[in-house]
Amino acid sequence: MIRWIIIFLVIALIAGLLGFGGIAGASAGIAKIIFYIFIVLLVISLIMNLMRRG
């Protein structure tokens, strides 16, 4: 998932430099959504790991 975040971030940066505001905004938005999903899955994974050990 981190690879997808980096890909969309690079697309957003390149599009922003070239002046394509809509594409840059969309790519940055997608990267943010994937990042938040990754964070939620990380927290769930950590909680499940702590429950198994306890």
PDB file of N, CA and C in Angstrom:
ATOM      1  N   MET A   1       0.813  -1.194   0.000  1.00  0.00           N
ATOM      2  CA  MET A   1       0.000   0.000   0.000  1.00  0.00           C
ATOM      3  C   MET A   1       0.855   1.256   0.000  1.00  0.00           C
ATOM      4  N   ILE A   2       1.984   1.190   0.661  1.00  0.00           N
ATOM      5  CA  ILE A   2       2.852   2.359   0.697  1.00  0.00           C
ATOM      6  C   ILE A   2       3.346   2.672  -0.718  1.00  0.00           C
ATOM      7  N   ARG A   3       3.546   1.656  -1.524  1.00  0.00           N
ATOM      8  CA  ARG A   3       3.981   1.885  -2.903  1.00  0.00           C
ATOM      9  C   ARG A   3       2.936   2.688  -3.670  1.00  0.00           C
ATOM     10  N   TRP A   4       1.641   2.386  -3.453  1.00  0.00           N
ATOM     11  CA  TRP A   4       0.581   3.134  -4.120  1.00  0.00           C
ATOM     12  C   TRP A   4       0.555   4.587  -3.660  1.00  0.00           C
ATOM     13  N   ILE A   5       0.777   4.800  -2.359  1.00  0.00           N
ATOM     14  CA  ILE A   5       0.805   6.166  -1.830  1.00  0.00           C
ATOM     15  C   ILE A   5       1.919   6.955  -2.509  1.00  0.00           C
ATOM     16  N   ILE A   6       3.085   6.344  -2.620  1.00  0.00           N
ATOM     17  CA  ILE A   6       4.221   7.021  -3.240  1.00  0.00           C
ATOM     18  C   ILE A   6       3.950   7.293  -4.710  1.00  0.00           C
ATOM     19  N   ILE A   7       3.341   6.338  -5.414  1.00  0.00           N
ATOM     20  CA  ILE A   7       3.028   6.532  -6.837  1.00  0.00           C
ATOM     21  C   ILE A   7       2.080   7.705  -7.025  1.00  0.00           C
ATOM     22  N   PHE A   8       0.994   7.750  -6.249  1.00  0.00           N
ATOM     23  CA  PHE A   8       0.041   8.841  -6.397  1.00  0.00           C
ATOM     24  C   PHE A   8       0.645  10.175  -5.953  1.00  0.00           C
ATOM     25  N   LEU A   9       1.528  10.153  -4.964  1.00  0.00           N
ATOM     26  CA  LEU A   9       2.188  11.371  -4.532  1.00  0.00           C
ATOM     27  C   LEU A   9       3.099  11.912  -5.628  1.00  0.00           C
ATOM     28  N   VAL A  10       3.838  11.042  -6.283  1.00  0.00           N
ATOM     29  CA  VAL A  10       4.702  11.466  -7.383  1.00  0.00           C
ATOM     30  C   VAL A  10       3.872  12.011  -8.537  1.00  0.00           C
ATOM     31  N   ILE A  11       2.763  11.343  -8.861  1.00  0.00           N
ATOM     32  CA  ILE A  11       1.875  11.836  -9.927  1.00  0.00           C
ATOM     33  C   ILE A  11       1.351  13.214  -9.569  1.00  0.00           C
ATOM     34  N   ALA A  12       0.965  13.407  -8.314  1.00  0.00           N
ATOM     35  CA  ALA A  12       0.460  14.705  -7.880  1.00  0.00           C
ATOM     36  C   ALA A  12       1.532  15.781  -7.983  1.00  0.00           C
ATOM     37  N   LEU A  13       2.752  15.456  -7.593  1.00  0.00           N
ATOM     38  CA  LEU A  13       3.838  16.432  -7.667  1.00  0.00           C
ATOM     39  C   LEU A  13       4.173  16.807  -9.107  1.00  0.00           C
ATOM     40  N   ILE A  14       4.242  15.822  -9.980  1.00  0.00           N
ATOM     41  CA  ILE A  14       4.542  16.095 -11.387  1.00  0.00           C
ATOM     42  C   ILE A  14       3.419  16.897 -12.031  1.00  0.00           C
ATOM     43  N   ALA A  15       2.183  16.509 -11.754  1.00  0.00           N
ATOM     44  CA  ALA A  15       1.046  17.236 -12.318  1.00  0.00           C
ATOM     45  C   ALA A  15       0.997  18.665 -11.781  1.00  0.00           C
ATOM     46  N   GLY A  16       1.334  18.843 -10.515  1.00  0.00           N
ATOM     47  CA  GLY A  16       1.357  20.184  -9.939  1.00  0.00           C
ATOM     48  C   GLY A  16       2.421  21.055 -10.583  1.00  0.00           C
ATOM     49  N   LEU A  17       3.586  20.479 -10.863  1.00  0.00           N
ATOM     50  CA  LEU A  17       4.659  21.231 -11.502  1.00  0.00           C
ATOM     51  C   LEU A  17       4.300  21.615 -12.932  1.00  0.00           C
ATOM     52  N   LEU A  18       3.540  20.750 -13.600  1.00  0.00           N
ATOM     53  CA  LEU A  18       3.163  21.027 -14.989  1.00  0.00           C
ATOM     54  C   LEU A  18       1.915  21.903 -15.099  1.00  0.00           C
ATOM     55  N   GLY A  19       1.272  22.171 -13.975  1.00  0.00           N
ATOM     56  CA  GLY A  19       0.131  23.074 -13.986  1.00  0.00           C
ATOM     57  C   GLY A  19      -1.218  22.400 -14.130  1.00  0.00           C
ATOM     58  N   PHE A  20      -1.284  21.100 -13.988  1.00  0.00           N
ATOM     59  CA  PHE A  20      -2.552  20.396 -14.072  1.00  0.00           C
ATOM     60  C   PHE A  20      -3.148  20.302 -12.672  1.00  0.00           C
ATOM     61  N   GLY A  21      -3.864  21.313 -12.268  1.00  0.00           N
ATOM     62  CA  GLY A  21      -4.380  21.397 -10.902  1.00  0.00           C
ATOM     63  C   GLY A  21      -5.365  20.299 -10.552  1.00  0.00           C
ATOM     64  N   GLY A  22      -6.257  19.968 -11.478  1.00  0.00           N
ATOM     65  CA  GLY A  22      -7.269  18.948 -11.207  1.00  0.00           C
ATOM     66  C   GLY A  22      -6.668  17.573 -11.006  1.00  0.00           C
ATOM     67  N   ILE A  23      -5.728  17.218 -11.858  1.00  0.00           N
ATOM     68  CA  ILE A  23      -5.083  15.911 -11.758  1.00  0.00           C
ATOM     69  C   ILE A  23      -4.238  15.841 -10.494  1.00  0.00           C
ATOM     70  N   ALA A  24      -3.543  16.927 -10.177  1.00  0.00           N
ATOM     71  CA  ALA A  24      -2.707  16.948  -8.975  1.00  0.00           C
ATOM     72  C   ALA A  24      -3.567  16.810  -7.722  1.00  0.00           C
ATOM     73  N   GLY A  25      -4.682  17.508  -7.698  1.00  0.00           N
ATOM     74  CA  GLY A  25      -5.577  17.428  -6.544  1.00  0.00           C
ATOM     75  C   GLY A  25      -6.176  16.051  -6.375  1.00  0.00           C
ATOM     76  N   ALA A  26      -6.561  15.450  -7.489  1.00  0.00           N
ATOM     77  CA  ALA A  26      -7.156  14.115  -7.433  1.00  0.00           C
ATOM     78  C   ALA A  26      -6.129  13.087  -6.965  1.00  0.00           C
ATOM     79  N   SER A  27      -4.923  13.165  -7.487  1.00  0.00           N
ATOM     80  CA  SER A  27      -3.886  12.214  -7.097  1.00  0.00           C
ATOM     81  C   SER A  27      -3.506  12.388  -5.630  1.00  0.00           C
ATOM     82  N   ALA A  28      -3.418  13.617  -5.185  1.00  0.00           N
ATOM     83  CA  ALA A  28      -3.102  13.860  -3.780  1.00  0.00           C
ATOM     84  C   ALA A  28      -4.233  13.359  -2.886  1.00  0.00           C
ATOM     85  N   GLY A  29      -5.461  13.535  -3.317  1.00  0.00           N
ATOM     86  CA  GLY A  29      -6.604  13.038  -2.547  1.00  0.00           C
ATOM     87  C   GLY A  29      -6.603  11.526  -2.438  1.00  0.00           C
ATOM     88  N   ILE A  30      -6.297  10.850  -3.528  1.00  0.00           N
ATOM     89  CA  ILE A  30      -6.230   9.393  -3.521  1.00  0.00           C
ATOM     90  C   ILE A  30      -5.102   8.925  -2.601  1.00  0.00           C
ATOM     91  N   ALA A  31      -3.954   9.605  -2.661  1.00  0.00           N
ATOM     92  CA  ALA A  31      -2.835   9.235  -1.798  1.00  0.00           C
ATOM     93  C   ALA A  31      -3.205   9.409  -0.327  1.00  0.00           C
ATOM     94  N   LYS A  32      -3.940  10.464   0.000  1.00  0.00           N
ATOM     95  CA  LYS A  32      -4.360  10.683   1.386  1.00  0.00           C
ATOM     96  C   LYS A  32      -5.302   9.579   1.848  1.00  0.00           C
ATOM     97  N   ILE A  33      -6.252   9.213   1.011  1.00  0.00           N
ATOM     98  CA  ILE A  33      -7.215   8.168   1.375  1.00  0.00           C
ATOM     99  C   ILE A  33      -6.500   6.839   1.609  1.00  0.00           C
ATOM    100  N   ILE A  34      -5.593   6.473   0.721  1.00  0.00           N
ATOM    101  CA  ILE A  34      -4.862   5.218   0.866  1.00  0.00           C
ATOM    102  C   ILE A  34      -3.996   5.261   2.123  1.00  0.00           C
ATOM    103  N   PHE A  35      -3.401   6.431   2.415  1.00  0.00           N
ATOM    104  CA  PHE A  35      -2.590   6.578   3.617  1.00  0.00           C
ATOM    105  C   PHE A  35      -3.420   6.350   4.870  1.00  0.00           C
ATOM    106  N   TYR A  36      -4.613   6.933   4.927  1.00  0.00           N
ATOM    107  CA  TYR A  36      -5.473   6.758   6.100  1.00  0.00           C
ATOM    108  C   TYR A  36      -5.938   5.312   6.244  1.00  0.00           C
ATOM    109  N   ILE A  37      -6.227   4.659   5.141  1.00  0.00           N
ATOM    110  CA  ILE A  37      -6.598   3.242   5.192  1.00  0.00           C
ATOM    111  C   ILE A  37      -5.434   2.423   5.740  1.00  0.00           C
ATOM    112  N   PHE A  38      -4.220   2.740   5.301  1.00  0.00           N
ATOM    113  CA  PHE A  38      -3.030   2.052   5.782  1.00  0.00           C
ATOM    114  C   PHE A  38      -2.860   2.240   7.285  1.00  0.00           C
ATOM    115  N   ILE A  39      -3.075   3.456   7.772  1.00  0.00           N
ATOM    116  CA  ILE A  39      -2.936   3.733   9.201  1.00  0.00           C
ATOM    117  C   ILE A  39      -3.969   2.937  10.002  1.00  0.00           C
ATOM    118  N   VAL A  40      -5.212   2.881   9.525  1.00  0.00           N
ATOM    119  CA  VAL A  40      -6.259   2.126  10.223  1.00  0.00           C
ATOM    120  C   VAL A  40      -5.903   0.646  10.266  1.00  0.00           C
ATOM    121  N   LEU A  41      -5.435   0.104   9.157  1.00  0.00           N
ATOM    122  CA  LEU A  41      -5.062  -1.311   9.127  1.00  0.00           C
ATOM    123  C   LEU A  41      -3.874  -1.576  10.045  1.00  0.00           C
ATOM    124  N   LEU A  42      -2.941  -0.646  10.133  1.00  0.00           N
ATOM    125  CA  LEU A  42      -1.803  -0.795  11.036  1.00  0.00           C
ATOM    126  C   LEU A  42      -2.258  -0.840  12.489  1.00  0.00           C
ATOM    127  N   VAL A  43      -3.150   0.060  12.857  1.00  0.00           N
ATOM    128  CA  VAL A  43      -3.652   0.090  14.238  1.00  0.00           C
ATOM    129  C   VAL A  43      -4.409  -1.193  14.555  1.00  0.00           C
ATOM    130  N   ILE A  44      -5.245  -1.649  13.654  1.00  0.00           N
ATOM    131  CA  ILE A  44      -5.987  -2.899  13.868  1.00  0.00           C
ATOM    132  C   ILE A  44      -5.021  -4.073  14.024  1.00  0.00           C
ATOM    133  N   SER A  45      -3.991  -4.108  13.191  1.00  0.00           N
ATOM    134  CA  SER A  45      -3.004  -5.170  13.270  1.00  0.00           C
ATOM    135  C   SER A  45      -2.267  -5.147  14.602  1.00  0.00           C
ATOM    136  N   LEU A  46      -1.890  -3.966  15.074  1.00  0.00           N
ATOM    137  CA  LEU A  46      -1.203  -3.859  16.362  1.00  0.00           C
ATOM    138  C   LEU A  46      -2.102  -4.298  17.517  1.00  0.00           C
ATOM    139  N   ILE A  47      -3.364  -3.918  17.479  1.00  0.00           N
ATOM    140  CA  ILE A  47      -4.303  -4.309  18.535  1.00  0.00           C
ATOM    141  C   ILE A  47      -4.498  -5.825  18.546  1.00  0.00           C
ATOM    142  N   MET A  48      -4.653  -6.397  17.357  1.00  0.00           N
ATOM    143  CA  MET A  48      -4.830  -7.848  17.281  1.00  0.00           C
ATOM    144  C   MET A  48      -3.589  -8.574  17.777  1.00  0.00           C
ATOM    145  N   ASN A  49      -2.409  -8.048  17.470  1.00  0.00           N
ATOM    146  CA  ASN A  49      -1.171  -8.671  17.925  1.00  0.00           C
ATOM    147  C   ASN A  49      -1.049  -8.596  19.444  1.00  0.00           C
ATOM    148  N   LEU A  50      -1.440  -7.484  20.042  1.00  0.00           N
ATOM    149  CA  LEU A  50      -1.398  -7.367  21.497  1.00  0.00           C
ATOM    150  C   LEU A  50      -2.399  -8.288  22.175  1.00  0.00           C
ATOM    151  N   MET A  51      -3.558  -8.510  21.541  1.00  0.00           N
ATOM    152  CA  MET A  51      -4.570  -9.390  22.119  1.00  0.00           C
ATOM    153  C   MET A  51      -4.115 -10.840  22.094  1.00  0.00           C
ATOM    154  N   ARG A  52      -3.378 -11.233  21.062  1.00  0.00           N
ATOM    155  CA  ARG A  52      -2.900 -12.612  20.969  1.00  0.00           C
ATOM    156  C   ARG A  52      -1.871 -12.910  22.055  1.00  0.00           C
ATOM    157  N   ARG A  53      -1.013 -11.945  22.336  1.00  0.00           N
ATOM    158  CA  ARG A  53       0.030 -12.167  23.327  1.00  0.00           C
ATOM    159  C   ARG A  53      -0.500 -12.128  24.753  1.00  0.00           C
ATOM    160  N   GLY A  54      -1.620 -11.425  24.960  1.00  0.00           N
ATOM    161  CA  GLY A  54      -2.145 -11.253  26.306  1.00  0.00           C
ATOM    162  C   GLY A  54      -2.901 -12.410  26.876  1.00  0.00           C
TER     163      GLY A  54
END
